[in-house]
């Protein structure tokens, strides 16, 4: 049963080994991560699904990892900084079967992108709060509505599990908020950022689906697709979303949110 959802940003600069002191500028985000880690432990979460944005991302298919996860931060200049985790094979099988029944293309794969910081950062920061095994599923370039529908399918599948289960939507929001961004600003960056945060707070998946896909690419965001999967998965659970932190010290939006379920759905 799903007892918790969360949206987590994944900039590698959150990690002190990479930040080299600059993590003080994202202390609010780190504090929010700690709040979520505590909540995972309070709810005795035994199973967890992590939605990745930088793993195996293809045009027409979603993917779930079927072999143990292993990666590193070599792309960010730290090859010795690694991450790994055992994969929940039962969950992987469950998701593939459920997607097939819903006629959604979800493939089980034995390989993953080793530099996938969208899983590496949350795994590193959540640390011992994580259950012994986790599931990983990727976004794709399929339409936004398909992400929401995949989420619905995932939600129904995970509802069959007896153990308390959490879902993590890993994604950074708008990367072009202002001139502080290394990618420059976009005139509609703040608009998309605010639309996202309002939709998240109101748990309004239709507002996210309505955002023009070309605009999403232009402002360079990676959080809407995983959030749509999360929303679909928790649509029937009386979701109670709360943004713990929203900051953008380098012109990139980092949104950290906690999504509880109402007690009658536990």
Protein backbone atom coordinates (compact mmCIF):
# COMPACT_ATOMS: atom_id res chain seq x y z
CA UNK A 1 0.00 0.00 0.00
CA UNK A 2 1.21 3.49 -0.82
CA UNK A 3 1.61 5.60 2.31
CA UNK A 4 3.82 8.44 1.08
CA UNK A 5 4.88 10.36 -2.00
CA UNK A 6 7.57 12.96 -2.44
CA UNK A 7 9.13 15.25 -5.04
CA UNK A 8 12.90 15.54 -4.67
CA UNK A 9 15.35 17.71 -6.63
CA UNK A 10 18.57 16.03 -7.68
CA UNK A 11 21.37 18.54 -8.36
CA UNK A 12 24.69 16.84 -7.53
CA UNK A 13 25.76 20.08 -5.85
CA UNK A 14 23.62 18.97 -2.91
CA UNK A 15 26.36 16.48 -2.09
CA UNK A 16 29.16 17.98 0.04
CA UNK A 17 31.86 16.03 -1.83
CA UNK A 18 30.84 17.87 -5.01
CA UNK A 19 29.64 21.16 -3.53
CA UNK A 20 32.87 21.83 -1.63
CA UNK A 21 31.16 24.26 0.73
CA UNK A 22 28.58 25.61 -1.71
CA UNK A 23 25.92 23.36 -0.16
CA UNK A 24 25.30 26.16 2.35
CA UNK A 25 23.34 27.88 -0.42
CA UNK A 26 20.88 24.96 -0.58
CA UNK A 27 20.59 24.28 3.13
CA UNK A 28 16.81 24.64 3.02
CA UNK A 29 16.63 21.87 0.42
CA UNK A 30 18.92 19.66 2.49
CA UNK A 31 16.75 20.28 5.54
CA UNK A 32 13.69 19.28 3.51
CA UNK A 33 15.44 16.08 2.45
CA UNK A 34 16.02 15.31 6.12
CA UNK A 35 12.34 15.91 6.89
CA UNK A 36 11.40 13.40 4.20
CA UNK A 37 13.95 10.85 5.42
CA UNK A 38 12.45 11.09 8.90
CA UNK A 39 8.93 10.70 7.50
CA UNK A 40 9.95 7.57 5.58
CA UNK A 41 11.24 6.08 8.82
CA UNK A 42 8.19 7.17 10.82
CA UNK A 43 5.92 5.35 8.39
CA UNK A 44 8.17 2.28 8.44
CA UNK A 45 8.37 2.29 4.64
CA UNK A 46 9.39 -1.18 3.48
CA UNK A 47 9.24 -0.65 -0.27
CA UNK A 48 10.04 2.38 -2.41
CA UNK A 49 9.73 3.28 -6.08
CA UNK A 50 12.02 5.95 -7.49
CA UNK A 51 10.98 7.73 -10.70
CA UNK A 52 14.08 8.59 -12.73
CA UNK A 53 14.49 11.34 -15.32
CA UNK A 54 18.07 10.65 -16.46
CA UNK A 55 18.19 6.86 -16.73
CA UNK A 56 16.97 4.97 -19.79
CA UNK A 57 14.77 7.59 -21.46
CA UNK A 58 13.49 6.73 -24.93
CA UNK A 59 10.93 7.99 -27.40
CA UNK A 60 8.13 5.45 -27.07
CA UNK A 61 8.77 3.27 -24.02
CA UNK A 62 9.07 3.47 -20.26
CA UNK A 63 11.69 1.32 -18.52
CA UNK A 64 12.16 -0.30 -15.14
CA UNK A 65 15.45 -1.64 -13.85
CA UNK A 66 15.58 -5.39 -13.37
CA UNK A 67 19.14 -5.72 -12.07
CA UNK A 68 20.86 -4.15 -9.10
CA UNK A 69 21.61 -0.45 -9.42
CA UNK A 70 25.19 0.81 -9.58
CA UNK A 71 26.49 4.21 -10.64
CA UNK A 72 28.88 7.07 -9.99
CA UNK A 73 29.36 10.81 -10.31
CA UNK A 74 32.23 10.67 -12.83
CA UNK A 75 30.29 13.02 -15.11
CA UNK A 76 30.53 15.62 -12.36
CA UNK A 77 34.24 15.15 -11.76
CA UNK A 78 33.99 12.62 -8.94
CA UNK A 79 34.40 9.07 -10.29
CA UNK A 80 35.20 7.74 -6.82
CA UNK A 81 31.84 8.94 -5.48
CA UNK A 82 29.54 6.00 -6.15
CA UNK A 83 26.05 4.79 -5.34
CA UNK A 84 24.39 1.40 -5.45
CA UNK A 85 21.25 -0.33 -4.25
CA UNK A 86 19.55 -3.68 -4.54
CA UNK A 87 16.52 -3.72 -6.82
CA UNK A 88 13.11 -4.98 -5.71
CA UNK A 89 12.60 -7.73 -8.28
CA UNK A 90 9.04 -8.47 -7.19
CA UNK A 91 8.11 -4.84 -7.72
CA UNK A 92 9.77 -4.78 -11.15
CA UNK A 93 7.77 -7.84 -12.23
CA UNK A 94 4.58 -6.37 -10.80
CA UNK A 95 4.98 -3.10 -12.70
CA UNK A 96 5.80 -4.76 -16.02
CA UNK A 97 2.77 -7.06 -15.77
CA UNK A 98 0.46 -4.20 -14.75
CA UNK A 99 1.66 -2.00 -17.62
CA UNK A 100 1.16 -4.82 -20.11
CA UNK A 101 -2.42 -5.27 -18.90
CA UNK A 102 -2.99 -1.54 -19.38
CA UNK A 103 -1.36 -1.66 -22.84
CA UNK A 104 1.40 0.70 -21.77
CA UNK A 105 4.94 -0.02 -23.04
CA UNK A 106 7.10 -0.64 -19.96
CA UNK A 107 10.23 -2.72 -20.50
CA UNK A 108 12.35 -4.41 -17.87
CA UNK A 109 16.04 -3.75 -18.53
CA UNK A 110 19.21 -5.22 -16.95
CA UNK A 111 21.23 -2.06 -17.61
CA UNK A 112 20.92 1.55 -16.52
CA UNK A 113 22.72 4.81 -17.16
CA UNK A 114 25.60 4.74 -14.61
CA UNK A 115 25.70 8.55 -14.40
CA UNK A 116 21.99 8.85 -13.53
CA UNK A 117 22.13 11.50 -10.83
CA UNK A 118 18.33 11.56 -10.64
CA UNK A 119 18.65 8.31 -8.70
CA UNK A 120 22.17 8.82 -7.35
CA UNK A 121 21.46 12.02 -5.42
CA UNK A 122 18.26 10.85 -3.66
CA UNK A 123 19.80 7.46 -2.82
CA UNK A 124 22.86 9.15 -1.34
CA UNK A 125 20.96 11.75 0.67
CA UNK A 126 18.17 9.48 1.94
CA UNK A 127 20.75 6.90 2.95
CA UNK A 128 19.66 4.61 5.76
CA UNK A 129 16.05 5.78 5.48
CA UNK A 130 15.71 3.71 2.31
CA UNK A 131 14.37 0.15 2.48
CA UNK A 132 16.81 -2.66 1.59
CA UNK A 133 15.46 -2.89 -1.96
CA UNK A 134 13.92 -0.28 -4.25
CA UNK A 135 12.26 -0.11 -7.64
CA UNK A 136 13.30 2.31 -10.39
CA UNK A 137 11.16 3.40 -13.33
CA UNK A 138 11.97 5.97 -16.01
CA UNK A 139 10.02 8.71 -17.69
CA UNK A 140 9.88 8.73 -21.50
CA UNK A 141 9.15 11.08 -24.37
CA UNK A 142 5.59 9.81 -24.60
CA UNK A 143 2.78 12.37 -24.10
CA UNK A 144 2.16 13.82 -20.63
CA UNK A 145 -1.20 12.02 -20.37
CA UNK A 146 0.59 8.69 -20.80
CA UNK A 147 2.78 9.49 -17.79
CA UNK A 148 -0.31 10.11 -15.70
CA UNK A 149 -1.87 6.89 -16.98
CA UNK A 150 1.31 4.95 -16.16
CA UNK A 151 1.08 6.42 -12.68
CA UNK A 152 -2.49 5.17 -12.33
CA UNK A 153 -1.34 1.72 -13.38
CA UNK A 154 1.55 1.82 -10.92
CA UNK A 155 -0.77 2.97 -8.14
CA UNK A 156 -3.15 0.07 -8.67
CA UNK A 157 -0.23 -2.38 -8.78
CA UNK A 158 1.43 -1.10 -5.61
CA UNK A 159 -1.91 -1.10 -3.79
CA UNK A 160 -1.70 -4.89 -3.87
CA UNK A 161 1.42 -4.88 -1.70
CA UNK A 162 0.96 -5.37 2.03
CA UNK A 163 4.04 -3.39 3.02
CA UNK A 164 4.06 0.41 3.46
CA UNK A 165 5.34 1.84 0.17
CA UNK A 166 6.69 5.25 -0.85
CA UNK A 167 7.08 6.84 -4.28
CA UNK A 168 9.83 9.35 -5.04
CA UNK A 169 9.47 11.64 -8.07
CA UNK A 170 12.99 12.86 -8.79
CA UNK A 171 13.24 16.04 -10.86
CA UNK A 172 14.56 19.57 -11.02
CA UNK A 173 12.11 22.27 -12.00
CA UNK A 174 12.84 25.13 -14.43
CA UNK A 175 16.56 25.40 -15.24
CA UNK A 176 16.26 28.85 -16.83
CA UNK A 177 14.64 30.95 -14.13
CA UNK A 178 16.95 33.95 -14.27
CA UNK A 179 20.38 35.16 -15.33
CA UNK A 180 22.03 33.23 -12.50
CA UNK A 181 21.37 30.03 -14.45
CA UNK A 182 24.35 28.63 -16.38
CA UNK A 183 21.91 28.10 -19.26
CA UNK A 184 20.62 31.66 -19.21
CA UNK A 185 17.12 32.89 -18.44
CA UNK A 186 13.90 32.30 -20.37
CA UNK A 187 11.17 34.97 -20.44
CA UNK A 188 8.55 32.41 -19.38
CA UNK A 189 10.69 30.47 -16.93
CA UNK A 190 9.13 31.94 -13.80
CA UNK A 191 5.64 31.45 -15.25
CA UNK A 192 6.21 27.72 -15.77
CA UNK A 193 7.81 27.41 -12.34
CA UNK A 194 4.80 29.02 -10.67
CA UNK A 195 2.34 26.99 -12.73
CA UNK A 196 4.11 23.83 -11.62
CA UNK A 197 4.14 24.76 -7.94
CA UNK A 198 0.47 25.77 -7.99
CA UNK A 199 -0.53 22.55 -9.75
CA UNK A 200 1.49 20.50 -7.27
CA UNK A 201 -0.07 22.24 -4.29
CA UNK A 202 -3.57 21.84 -5.75
CA UNK A 203 -2.81 18.28 -6.91
CA UNK A 204 -4.02 19.29 -10.36
CA UNK A 205 -2.66 16.91 -12.98
CA UNK A 206 -4.71 18.51 -15.75
CA UNK A 207 -2.87 21.81 -15.23
CA UNK A 208 0.45 20.03 -15.71
CA UNK A 209 -0.73 18.14 -18.78
CA UNK A 210 -1.88 21.46 -20.28
CA UNK A 211 1.60 23.03 -20.21
CA UNK A 212 2.89 23.19 -23.78
CA UNK A 213 5.55 20.54 -24.32
CA UNK A 214 7.75 22.78 -26.44
CA UNK A 215 7.64 25.41 -23.70
CA UNK A 216 8.66 22.77 -21.18
CA UNK A 217 11.69 21.98 -23.32
CA UNK A 218 12.52 25.65 -23.80
CA UNK A 219 12.55 26.43 -20.07
CA UNK A 220 14.44 23.16 -19.51
CA UNK A 221 12.51 21.41 -16.74
CA UNK A 222 12.67 17.77 -15.67
CA UNK A 223 10.08 17.58 -12.90
CA UNK A 224 6.68 17.58 -14.62
CA UNK A 225 6.79 14.05 -16.09
CA UNK A 226 7.79 12.31 -12.83
CA UNK A 227 5.24 14.40 -10.94
CA UNK A 228 2.51 13.26 -13.33
CA UNK A 229 3.43 9.64 -12.64
CA UNK A 230 3.32 10.36 -8.90
CA UNK A 231 -0.06 12.09 -9.21
CA UNK A 232 -1.50 9.19 -11.16
CA UNK A 233 -0.25 6.68 -8.62
CA UNK A 234 -1.76 8.58 -5.69
CA UNK A 235 -4.97 9.79 -7.35
CA UNK A 236 -7.24 7.64 -5.16
CA UNK A 237 -5.39 8.08 -1.88
CA UNK A 238 -6.59 11.45 -0.66
CA UNK A 239 -3.20 13.01 -1.40
CA UNK A 240 -2.17 15.87 0.87
CA UNK A 241 0.73 17.66 -0.88
CA UNK A 242 2.93 20.19 0.87
CA UNK A 243 5.90 22.05 -0.60
CA UNK A 244 8.61 21.98 2.05
CA UNK A 245 11.08 24.08 0.12
CA UNK A 246 11.38 25.98 -3.15
CA UNK A 247 14.64 27.74 -3.87
CA UNK A 248 16.79 28.65 -6.85
CA UNK A 249 20.21 29.87 -5.73
CA UNK A 250 21.75 29.33 -9.17
CA UNK A 251 18.76 30.13 -11.38
CA UNK A 252 17.49 26.53 -11.30
CA UNK A 253 14.27 25.68 -9.46
CA UNK A 254 14.63 23.10 -6.70
CA UNK A 255 11.24 22.04 -5.31
CA UNK A 256 11.01 19.56 -2.45
CA UNK A 257 7.53 18.33 -1.55
CA UNK A 258 5.97 15.84 0.82
CA UNK A 259 2.74 14.10 -0.18
CA UNK A 260 0.98 12.34 2.67
CA UNK A 261 -2.14 10.24 2.28
CA UNK A 262 -5.20 10.72 4.45
CA UNK A 263 -5.41 8.27 7.40
CA UNK A 264 -8.38 6.33 6.02
CA UNK A 265 -6.23 5.30 3.05
CA UNK A 266 -3.41 3.83 5.15
